[in-house]
Amino acid sequence: MNEKTLLTIMAIFVAIAAIALLGQAVAMVGLFFVARDLKTKVLGSWPQIESIIGSSKRTVEQAEHHIGKIGSSSVAILDATRQQLARVDELLSDASSRARVQLERAEMVLDDTMTRVQQTVSIVQRGVLSPVREVHGIISGIRTAFSHLSRGGRTSVEHVTSDEEMFI
């Protein structure tokens, strides 16, 4: 390659670089104008932004205050609930133990009553029913004696034979 061609190629590269730099300069000027317009718009709405930020800060502070109150109230409620549950548990334990004792007493009373009823029944059987049976036996014996005596004399042979046949 000769020098002329090399110079031409370099001139083309220099021209391309100059065009690129010129494009960048135009883009920077455009960005400058856009930034200036944006600045005027932001500065125009800046008081509103500041009032919104101030209102937001006050709201956050109030919310923090209320959240603190709610937290302390919740802790107090939970403590009271724990105490009440402990009392209820104690009451249920006491009621359960008392009920158990009362059931044991009722069982003892029921056992004692059943023992006494059985003793009373055996006394009634020995004291009342045995003499009644004895009296009934004596009366049956007397009745049989009267029946035998009231029949008169001896029984006939036919009657005795009939009794024996029935026996056999």
Foldseek 3Di string as FASTA:
>chain_A
DDDVVVVVVVVVVVVVVVVVVVVVVVVVVVVVVVVVVVVVVCVVCVVVVVVVVVVVVVVVVVVVVVVVVVVVVVVVVVVVVVVVVVVVVVVVVVVVVVVVVVVVVVVVVVVVVVVVVVVVVVCCCVPPVVVVVVVVVVVVVVVVVCVVVVVPDDDDPVVVVVVVVVVD
